[in-house]
Amino acid sequence: MTNSTPTPEDLIMTNPTQGPESRLTVRPREMARMLGVSLRTIQNWMAQRGLPHMRIGRMVLLDPHAVQ
């Protein structure tokens, strides 16, 4: 019997030929680079509930399509 619950590694697509925009999730630092803002700005947006994110243990994942 296999476990169908995805692991954090399953949620992070690691194909190096794909840019962050084409992935399902990105980490906060990648999101900051994509948007041209600081990591602290991303953290502030998450704290103010303005940026949807998911925590898995200590790992934080963001939807790169949530911000246009």
PDB file of N, CA and C in Angstrom:
ATOM      1  N   MET A   1       0.830  -1.165   0.000  1.00  0.00           N
ATOM      2  CA  MET A   1       0.000   0.000   0.000  1.00  0.00           C
ATOM      3  C   MET A   1       0.884   1.240   0.000  1.00  0.00           C
ATOM      4  N   THR A   2       0.630   2.176  -0.919  1.00  0.00           N
ATOM      5  CA  THR A   2       1.451   3.368  -1.000  1.00  0.00           C
ATOM      6  C   THR A   2       0.716   4.555  -0.398  1.00  0.00           C
ATOM      7  N   ASN A   3       1.483   5.457   0.150  1.00  0.00           N
ATOM      8  CA  ASN A   3       0.927   6.665   0.744  1.00  0.00           C
ATOM      9  C   ASN A   3       0.721   7.695  -0.360  1.00  0.00           C
ATOM     10  N   SER A   4      -0.496   8.214  -0.528  1.00  0.00           N
ATOM     11  CA  SER A   4      -0.774   9.159  -1.594  1.00  0.00           C
ATOM     12  C   SER A   4      -0.586  10.611  -1.161  1.00  0.00           C
ATOM     13  N   THR A   5      -0.216  10.840   0.102  1.00  0.00           N
ATOM     14  CA  THR A   5       0.019  12.196   0.573  1.00  0.00           C
ATOM     15  C   THR A   5       1.343  12.695  -0.001  1.00  0.00           C
ATOM     16  N   PRO A   6       1.319  13.857  -0.672  1.00  0.00           N
ATOM     17  CA  PRO A   6       2.575  14.345  -1.252  1.00  0.00           C
ATOM     18  C   PRO A   6       3.549  14.807  -0.171  1.00  0.00           C
ATOM     19  N   THR A   7       4.800  14.593  -0.417  1.00  0.00           N
ATOM     20  CA  THR A   7       5.844  15.083   0.473  1.00  0.00           C
ATOM     21  C   THR A   7       6.209  16.498   0.031  1.00  0.00           C
ATOM     22  N   PRO A   8       6.906  17.258   0.871  1.00  0.00           N
ATOM     23  CA  PRO A   8       7.336  18.588   0.443  1.00  0.00           C
ATOM     24  C   PRO A   8       8.153  18.557  -0.845  1.00  0.00           C
ATOM     25  N   GLU A   9       8.950  17.524  -1.009  1.00  0.00           N
ATOM     26  CA  GLU A   9       9.747  17.404  -2.217  1.00  0.00           C
ATOM     27  C   GLU A   9       8.870  17.214  -3.455  1.00  0.00           C
ATOM     28  N   ASP A  10       7.715  16.586  -3.293  1.00  0.00           N
ATOM     29  CA  ASP A  10       6.786  16.416  -4.410  1.00  0.00           C
ATOM     30  C   ASP A  10       6.186  17.747  -4.831  1.00  0.00           C
ATOM     31  N   LEU A  11       6.022  18.665  -3.881  1.00  0.00           N
ATOM     32  CA  LEU A  11       5.407  19.953  -4.168  1.00  0.00           C
ATOM     33  C   LEU A  11       6.372  20.918  -4.852  1.00  0.00           C
ATOM     34  N   ILE A  12       7.658  20.681  -4.679  1.00  0.00           N
ATOM     35  CA  ILE A  12       8.653  21.552  -5.282  1.00  0.00           C
ATOM     36  C   ILE A  12       9.180  20.865  -6.531  1.00  0.00           C
ATOM     37  N   MET A  13       8.842  21.408  -7.676  1.00  0.00           N
ATOM     38  CA  MET A  13       9.323  20.838  -8.925  1.00  0.00           C
ATOM     39  C   MET A  13      10.763  21.290  -9.107  1.00  0.00           C
ATOM     40  N   THR A  14      11.658  20.360  -9.374  1.00  0.00           N
ATOM     41  CA  THR A  14      13.075  20.689  -9.396  1.00  0.00           C
ATOM     42  C   THR A  14      13.693  20.587 -10.783  1.00  0.00           C
ATOM     43  N   ASN A  15      12.897  20.636 -11.823  1.00  0.00           N
ATOM     44  CA  ASN A  15      13.437  20.579 -13.170  1.00  0.00           C
ATOM     45  C   ASN A  15      14.191  21.876 -13.441  1.00  0.00           C
ATOM     46  N   PRO A  16      15.527  21.828 -13.616  1.00  0.00           N
ATOM     47  CA  PRO A  16      16.302  23.054 -13.779  1.00  0.00           C
ATOM     48  C   PRO A  16      16.005  23.801 -15.071  1.00  0.00           C
ATOM     49  N   THR A  17      15.341  23.160 -16.032  1.00  0.00           N
ATOM     50  CA  THR A  17      15.037  23.838 -17.285  1.00  0.00           C
ATOM     51  C   THR A  17      13.800  24.711 -17.172  1.00  0.00           C
ATOM     52  N   GLN A  18      13.057  24.585 -16.082  1.00  0.00           N
ATOM     53  CA  GLN A  18      11.861  25.385 -15.879  1.00  0.00           C
ATOM     54  C   GLN A  18      12.179  26.576 -14.991  1.00  0.00           C
ATOM     55  N   GLY A  19      11.648  27.743 -15.352  1.00  0.00           N
ATOM     56  CA  GLY A  19      11.802  28.916 -14.512  1.00  0.00           C
ATOM     57  C   GLY A  19      10.835  28.837 -13.347  1.00  0.00           C
ATOM     58  N   PRO A  20      11.027  29.673 -12.335  1.00  0.00           N
ATOM     59  CA  PRO A  20      10.143  29.648 -11.168  1.00  0.00           C
ATOM     60  C   PRO A  20       8.682  29.883 -11.523  1.00  0.00           C
ATOM     61  N   GLU A  21       8.415  30.683 -12.565  1.00  0.00           N
ATOM     62  CA  GLU A  21       7.044  31.005 -12.927  1.00  0.00           C
ATOM     63  C   GLU A  21       6.262  29.784 -13.399  1.00  0.00           C
ATOM     64  N   SER A  22       6.952  28.775 -13.918  1.00  0.00           N
ATOM     65  CA  SER A  22       6.268  27.598 -14.450  1.00  0.00           C
ATOM     66  C   SER A  22       6.103  26.497 -13.406  1.00  0.00           C
ATOM     67  N   ARG A  23       6.608  26.723 -12.198  1.00  0.00           N
ATOM     68  CA  ARG A  23       6.512  25.717 -11.148  1.00  0.00           C
ATOM     69  C   ARG A  23       5.226  25.883 -10.359  1.00  0.00           C
ATOM     70  N   LEU A  24       4.836  24.849  -9.653  1.00  0.00           N
ATOM     71  CA  LEU A  24       3.635  24.886  -8.824  1.00  0.00           C
ATOM     72  C   LEU A  24       3.840  25.706  -7.566  1.00  0.00           C
ATOM     73  N   THR A  25       5.016  25.616  -6.971  1.00  0.00           N
ATOM     74  CA  THR A  25       5.324  26.354  -5.750  1.00  0.00           C
ATOM     75  C   THR A  25       6.744  26.888  -5.822  1.00  0.00           C
ATOM     76  N   VAL A  26       6.974  27.957  -5.090  1.00  0.00           N
ATOM     77  CA  VAL A  26       8.322  28.510  -4.958  1.00  0.00           C
ATOM     78  C   VAL A  26       8.546  28.864  -3.496  1.00  0.00           C
ATOM     79  N   ARG A  27       9.772  29.035  -3.138  1.00  0.00           N
ATOM     80  CA  ARG A  27      10.112  29.457  -1.784  1.00  0.00           C
ATOM     81  C   ARG A  27      10.111  30.984  -1.728  1.00  0.00           C
ATOM     82  N   PRO A  28      10.015  31.542  -0.537  1.00  0.00           N
ATOM     83  CA  PRO A  28       9.945  32.997  -0.419  1.00  0.00           C
ATOM     84  C   PRO A  28      11.092  33.745  -1.113  1.00  0.00           C
ATOM     85  N   ARG A  29      12.295  33.236  -1.019  1.00  0.00           N
ATOM     86  CA  ARG A  29      13.442  33.915  -1.653  1.00  0.00           C
ATOM     87  C   ARG A  29      13.275  33.961  -3.175  1.00  0.00           C
ATOM     88  N   GLU A  30      12.774  32.858  -3.755  1.00  0.00           N
ATOM     89  CA  GLU A  30      12.534  32.836  -5.204  1.00  0.00           C
ATOM     90  C   GLU A  30      11.435  33.825  -5.588  1.00  0.00           C
ATOM     91  N   MET A  31      10.389  33.906  -4.757  1.00  0.00           N
ATOM     92  CA  MET A  31       9.300  34.840  -5.026  1.00  0.00           C
ATOM     93  C   MET A  31       9.819  36.275  -4.985  1.00  0.00           C
ATOM     94  N   ALA A  32      10.684  36.574  -4.020  1.00  0.00           N
ATOM     95  CA  ALA A  32      11.256  37.913  -3.907  1.00  0.00           C
ATOM     96  C   ALA A  32      12.046  38.258  -5.171  1.00  0.00           C
ATOM     97  N   ARG A  33      12.837  37.316  -5.667  1.00  0.00           N
ATOM     98  CA  ARG A  33      13.596  37.549  -6.899  1.00  0.00           C
ATOM     99  C   ARG A  33      12.674  37.773  -8.088  1.00  0.00           C
ATOM    100  N   MET A  34      11.616  36.981  -8.172  1.00  0.00           N
ATOM    101  CA  MET A  34      10.671  37.104  -9.282  1.00  0.00           C
ATOM    102  C   MET A  34      10.016  38.482  -9.300  1.00  0.00           C
ATOM    103  N   LEU A  35       9.706  39.010  -8.119  1.00  0.00           N
ATOM    104  CA  LEU A  35       8.977  40.272  -8.020  1.00  0.00           C
ATOM    105  C   LEU A  35       9.885  41.483  -7.880  1.00  0.00           C
ATOM    106  N   GLY A  36      11.170  41.250  -7.664  1.00  0.00           N
ATOM    107  CA  GLY A  36      12.108  42.361  -7.511  1.00  0.00           C
ATOM    108  C   GLY A  36      11.950  43.092  -6.189  1.00  0.00           C
ATOM    109  N   VAL A  37      11.583  42.350  -5.147  1.00  0.00           N
ATOM    110  CA  VAL A  37      11.446  42.928  -3.811  1.00  0.00           C
ATOM    111  C   VAL A  37      12.345  42.149  -2.854  1.00  0.00           C
ATOM    112  N   SER A  38      12.457  42.654  -1.636  1.00  0.00           N
ATOM    113  CA  SER A  38      13.302  41.965  -0.652  1.00  0.00           C
ATOM    114  C   SER A  38      12.568  40.771  -0.049  1.00  0.00           C
ATOM    115  N   LEU A  39      13.345  39.884   0.525  1.00  0.00           N
ATOM    116  CA  LEU A  39      12.771  38.742   1.235  1.00  0.00           C
ATOM    117  C   LEU A  39      11.917  39.239   2.399  1.00  0.00           C
ATOM    118  N   ARG A  40      12.360  40.297   3.059  1.00  0.00           N
ATOM    119  CA  ARG A  40      11.599  40.851   4.187  1.00  0.00           C
ATOM    120  C   ARG A  40      10.222  41.343   3.733  1.00  0.00           C
ATOM    121  N   THR A  41      10.138  41.917   2.535  1.00  0.00           N
ATOM    122  CA  THR A  41       8.849  42.355   1.999  1.00  0.00           C
ATOM    123  C   THR A  41       7.920  41.165   1.823  1.00  0.00           C
ATOM    124  N   ILE A  42       8.436  40.069   1.291  1.00  0.00           N
ATOM    125  CA  ILE A  42       7.636  38.851   1.122  1.00  0.00           C
ATOM    126  C   ILE A  42       7.151  38.365   2.494  1.00  0.00           C
ATOM    127  N   GLN A  43       8.038  38.357   3.476  1.00  0.00           N
ATOM    128  CA  GLN A  43       7.672  37.925   4.821  1.00  0.00           C
ATOM    129  C   GLN A  43       6.600  38.833   5.422  1.00  0.00           C
ATOM    130  N   ASN A  44       6.716  40.140   5.199  1.00  0.00           N
ATOM    131  CA  ASN A  44       5.698  41.075   5.689  1.00  0.00           C
ATOM    132  C   ASN A  44       4.352  40.803   5.030  1.00  0.00           C
ATOM    133  N   TRP A  45       4.350  40.588   3.727  1.00  0.00           N
ATOM    134  CA  TRP A  45       3.102  40.293   3.008  1.00  0.00           C
ATOM    135  C   TRP A  45       2.455  39.021   3.554  1.00  0.00           C
ATOM    136  N   MET A  46       3.272  38.003   3.837  1.00  0.00           N
ATOM    137  CA  MET A  46       2.734  36.759   4.389  1.00  0.00           C
ATOM    138  C   MET A  46       2.150  37.007   5.783  1.00  0.00           C
ATOM    139  N   ALA A  47       2.840  37.790   6.601  1.00  0.00           N
ATOM    140  CA  ALA A  47       2.385  38.064   7.971  1.00  0.00           C
ATOM    141  C   ALA A  47       1.087  38.861   7.974  1.00  0.00           C
ATOM    142  N   GLN A  48       0.906  39.717   6.992  1.00  0.00           N
ATOM    143  CA  GLN A  48      -0.307  40.539   6.906  1.00  0.00           C
ATOM    144  C   GLN A  48      -1.441  39.796   6.213  1.00  0.00           C
ATOM    145  N   ARG A  49      -1.214  38.528   5.910  1.00  0.00           N
ATOM    146  CA  ARG A  49      -2.204  37.670   5.259  1.00  0.00           C
ATOM    147  C   ARG A  49      -2.541  38.135   3.837  1.00  0.00           C
ATOM    148  N   GLY A  50      -1.654  38.935   3.237  1.00  0.00           N
ATOM    149  CA  GLY A  50      -1.881  39.404   1.879  1.00  0.00           C
ATOM    150  C   GLY A  50      -1.304  38.479   0.829  1.00  0.00           C
ATOM    151  N   LEU A  51      -0.467  37.559   1.254  1.00  0.00           N
ATOM    152  CA  LEU A  51       0.170  36.639   0.316  1.00  0.00           C
ATOM    153  C   LEU A  51      -0.096  35.214   0.783  1.00  0.00           C
ATOM    154  N   PRO A  52      -0.933  34.472   0.047  1.00  0.00           N
ATOM    155  CA  PRO A  52      -1.230  33.092   0.455  1.00  0.00           C
ATOM    156  C   PRO A  52       0.032  32.228   0.447  1.00  0.00           C
ATOM    157  N   HIS A  53       0.170  31.411   1.458  1.00  0.00           N
ATOM    158  CA  HIS A  53       1.326  30.523   1.543  1.00  0.00           C
ATOM    159  C   HIS A  53       0.940  29.266   2.318  1.00  0.00           C
ATOM    160  N   MET A  54       1.827  28.303   2.265  1.00  0.00           N
ATOM    161  CA  MET A  54       1.600  27.024   2.941  1.00  0.00           C
ATOM    162  C   MET A  54       2.864  26.689   3.716  1.00  0.00           C
ATOM    163  N   ARG A  55       2.699  26.285   4.942  1.00  0.00           N
ATOM    164  CA  ARG A  55       3.836  25.865   5.764  1.00  0.00           C
ATOM    165  C   ARG A  55       3.798  24.345   5.917  1.00  0.00           C
ATOM    166  N   ILE A  56       4.942  23.745   5.691  1.00  0.00           N
ATOM    167  CA  ILE A  56       5.109  22.313   5.919  1.00  0.00           C
ATOM    168  C   ILE A  56       6.331  22.195   6.814  1.00  0.00           C
ATOM    169  N   GLY A  57       6.078  22.027   8.096  1.00  0.00           N
ATOM    170  CA  GLY A  57       7.181  22.069   9.052  1.00  0.00           C
ATOM    171  C   GLY A  57       7.761  23.471   9.058  1.00  0.00           C
ATOM    172  N   ARG A  58       9.052  23.584   8.791  1.00  0.00           N
ATOM    173  CA  ARG A  58       9.707  24.896   8.732  1.00  0.00           C
ATOM    174  C   ARG A  58       9.759  25.449   7.318  1.00  0.00           C
ATOM    175  N   MET A  59       9.350  24.640   6.345  1.00  0.00           N
ATOM    176  CA  MET A  59       9.397  25.069   4.951  1.00  0.00           C
ATOM    177  C   MET A  59       8.157  25.886   4.603  1.00  0.00           C
ATOM    178  N   VAL A  60       8.365  26.986   3.892  1.00  0.00           N
ATOM    179  CA  VAL A  60       7.267  27.835   3.442  1.00  0.00           C
ATOM    180  C   VAL A  60       7.223  27.772   1.924  1.00  0.00           C
ATOM    181  N   LEU A  61       6.036  27.523   1.378  1.00  0.00           N
ATOM    182  CA  LEU A  61       5.854  27.447  -0.065  1.00  0.00           C
ATOM    183  C   LEU A  61       4.807  28.459  -0.503  1.00  0.00           C
ATOM    184  N   LEU A  62       5.055  29.086  -1.636  1.00  0.00           N
ATOM    185  CA  LEU A  62       4.159  30.091  -2.187  1.00  0.00           C
ATOM    186  C   LEU A  62       3.736  29.698  -3.587  1.00  0.00           C
ATOM    187  N   ASP A  63       2.565  30.156  -3.984  1.00  0.00           N
ATOM    188  CA  ASP A  63       2.096  29.941  -5.352  1.00  0.00           C
ATOM    189  C   ASP A  63       2.616  31.089  -6.204  1.00  0.00           C
ATOM    190  N   PRO A  64       3.478  30.813  -7.190  1.00  0.00           N
ATOM    191  CA  PRO A  64       4.044  31.902  -7.996  1.00  0.00           C
ATOM    192  C   PRO A  64       2.990  32.624  -8.833  1.00  0.00           C
ATOM    193  N   HIS A  65       1.812  32.032  -8.995  1.00  0.00           N
ATOM    194  CA  HIS A  65       0.753  32.634  -9.788  1.00  0.00           C
ATOM    195  C   HIS A  65      -0.201  33.462  -8.927  1.00  0.00           C
ATOM    196  N   ALA A  66       0.027  33.504  -7.609  1.00  0.00           N
ATOM    197  CA  ALA A  66      -0.851  34.251  -6.711  1.00  0.00           C
ATOM    198  C   ALA A  66      -0.634  35.747  -6.837  1.00  0.00           C
ATOM    199  N   VAL A  67       0.537  36.142  -7.308  1.00  0.00           N
ATOM    200  CA  VAL A  67       0.873  37.559  -7.460  1.00  0.00           C
ATOM    201  C   VAL A  67       1.116  37.827  -8.941  1.00  0.00           C
ATOM    202  N   GLN A  68       0.445  38.822  -9.446  1.00  0.00           N
ATOM    203  CA  GLN A  68       0.594  39.139 -10.878  1.00  0.00           C
ATOM    204  C   GLN A  68       1.443  40.365 -11.047  1.00  0.00           C
TER     205      GLN A  68
END
